[in-house]
Amino acid sequence: MHCPSCASTKQAKLTVEMMIHFGPEHLDDPGVLLFPEIEVCLRCGFSSFTVPETQMASIAKCTLENKTA
């Protein structure tokens, strides 16, 4: 796989812990805890991740709740 930013093939895959909050006004809300695998370019630092399918419903629910609040 090539980096979409610099075309380097030097990349690392890492599993990370990530807490998603839906804007600064929601920092006191519990947020959504994710453990995605990210891919980091070791040349330019470009990073990307995909939310695990099992956790997409939690994000969708929080997003809808925050739009109606």
C-alpha atoms as a PDB file:
ATOM      1  CA  MET A   1       0.000   0.000   0.000  1.00  0.00           C
ATOM      2  CA  HIS A   2       1.278   3.464  -0.882  1.00  0.00           C
ATOM      3  CA  CYS A   3       0.794   6.566   1.238  1.00  0.00           C
ATOM      4  CA  PRO A   4      -1.891   8.768  -0.356  1.00  0.00           C
ATOM      5  CA  SER A   5       0.067  11.863   0.671  1.00  0.00           C
ATOM      6  CA  CYS A   6       3.673  11.120  -0.366  1.00  0.00           C
ATOM      7  CA  ALA A   7       3.467   7.711  -2.156  1.00  0.00           C
ATOM      8  CA  SER A   8       5.949   6.099   0.264  1.00  0.00           C
ATOM      9  CA  THR A   9       5.650   2.384   0.929  1.00  0.00           C
ATOM     10  CA  LYS A  10       7.157   2.717   4.425  1.00  0.00           C
ATOM     11  CA  GLN A  11       4.143   2.393   6.699  1.00  0.00           C
ATOM     12  CA  ALA A  12       3.379   0.886  10.087  1.00  0.00           C
ATOM     13  CA  LYS A  13       0.110  -0.537  11.394  1.00  0.00           C
ATOM     14  CA  LEU A  14      -0.634   0.113  15.055  1.00  0.00           C
ATOM     15  CA  THR A  15      -3.604  -0.640  17.291  1.00  0.00           C
ATOM     16  CA  VAL A  16      -4.546   2.443  19.296  1.00  0.00           C
ATOM     17  CA  GLU A  17      -6.989   3.486  21.991  1.00  0.00           C
ATOM     18  CA  MET A  18      -9.084   6.490  20.978  1.00  0.00           C
ATOM     19  CA  MET A  19     -11.853   8.415  22.741  1.00  0.00           C
ATOM     20  CA  ILE A  20     -14.142  10.330  20.390  1.00  0.00           C
ATOM     21  CA  HIS A  21     -16.076  13.353  21.669  1.00  0.00           C
ATOM     22  CA  PHE A  22     -18.498  15.161  19.393  1.00  0.00           C
ATOM     23  CA  GLY A  23     -17.261  18.740  19.672  1.00  0.00           C
ATOM     24  CA  PRO A  24     -15.810  20.838  22.502  1.00  0.00           C
ATOM     25  CA  GLU A  25     -19.274  21.427  23.977  1.00  0.00           C
ATOM     26  CA  HIS A  26     -19.563  17.657  24.599  1.00  0.00           C
ATOM     27  CA  LEU A  27     -16.289  17.038  26.458  1.00  0.00           C
ATOM     28  CA  ASP A  28     -18.206  16.203  29.653  1.00  0.00           C
ATOM     29  CA  ASP A  29     -20.188  13.497  27.804  1.00  0.00           C
ATOM     30  CA  PRO A  30     -18.740   9.965  27.999  1.00  0.00           C
ATOM     31  CA  GLY A  31     -17.854   9.807  24.286  1.00  0.00           C
ATOM     32  CA  VAL A  32     -17.156   6.631  22.327  1.00  0.00           C
ATOM     33  CA  LEU A  33     -14.125   4.477  23.100  1.00  0.00           C
ATOM     34  CA  LEU A  34     -12.532   2.859  20.032  1.00  0.00           C
ATOM     35  CA  PHE A  35      -9.587   0.529  19.468  1.00  0.00           C
ATOM     36  CA  PRO A  36      -8.921   0.956  15.738  1.00  0.00           C
ATOM     37  CA  GLU A  37      -5.883  -0.144  13.800  1.00  0.00           C
ATOM     38  CA  ILE A  38      -4.220   2.911  12.261  1.00  0.00           C
ATOM     39  CA  GLU A  39      -1.777   3.033   9.396  1.00  0.00           C
ATOM     40  CA  VAL A  40       0.996   5.628   9.752  1.00  0.00           C
ATOM     41  CA  CYS A  41       3.359   6.689   6.988  1.00  0.00           C
ATOM     42  CA  LEU A  42       6.896   6.606   8.391  1.00  0.00           C
ATOM     43  CA  ARG A  43       8.027   9.209   5.872  1.00  0.00           C
ATOM     44  CA  CYS A  44       5.461  12.032   6.174  1.00  0.00           C
ATOM     45  CA  GLY A  45       3.283  11.014   9.137  1.00  0.00           C
ATOM     46  CA  PHE A  46       0.010  10.775   7.215  1.00  0.00           C
ATOM     47  CA  SER A  47      -2.314   8.511   9.214  1.00  0.00           C
ATOM     48  CA  SER A  48      -5.635   6.839   8.567  1.00  0.00           C
ATOM     49  CA  PHE A  49      -7.939   4.426  10.318  1.00  0.00           C
ATOM     50  CA  THR A  50     -11.224   2.642   9.841  1.00  0.00           C
ATOM     51  CA  VAL A  51     -13.767   2.399  12.617  1.00  0.00           C
ATOM     52  CA  PRO A  52     -14.483  -1.249  13.437  1.00  0.00           C
ATOM     53  CA  GLU A  53     -17.963  -2.237  12.247  1.00  0.00           C
ATOM     54  CA  THR A  54     -18.942  -3.313  15.748  1.00  0.00           C
ATOM     55  CA  GLN A  55     -18.428   0.270  16.978  1.00  0.00           C
ATOM     56  CA  MET A  56     -20.016   2.213  14.100  1.00  0.00           C
ATOM     57  CA  ALA A  57     -23.494   1.918  15.656  1.00  0.00           C
ATOM     58  CA  SER A  58     -22.237   3.651  18.829  1.00  0.00           C
ATOM     59  CA  ILE A  59     -20.862   6.545  16.807  1.00  0.00           C
ATOM     60  CA  ALA A  60     -24.041   6.852  14.736  1.00  0.00           C
ATOM     61  CA  LYS A  61     -26.177   6.865  17.904  1.00  0.00           C
ATOM     62  CA  CYS A  62     -24.058   9.566  19.580  1.00  0.00           C
ATOM     63  CA  THR A  63     -24.033  11.656  16.412  1.00  0.00           C
ATOM     64  CA  LEU A  64     -27.836  11.572  16.190  1.00  0.00           C
ATOM     65  CA  GLU A  65     -28.234  12.356  19.898  1.00  0.00           C
ATOM     66  CA  ASN A  66     -25.914  15.366  19.612  1.00  0.00           C
ATOM     67  CA  LYS A  67     -27.798  16.740  16.583  1.00  0.00           C
ATOM     68  CA  THR A  68     -31.103  16.642  18.449  1.00  0.00           C
ATOM     69  CA  ALA A  69     -29.723  18.063  21.704  1.00  0.00           C
END
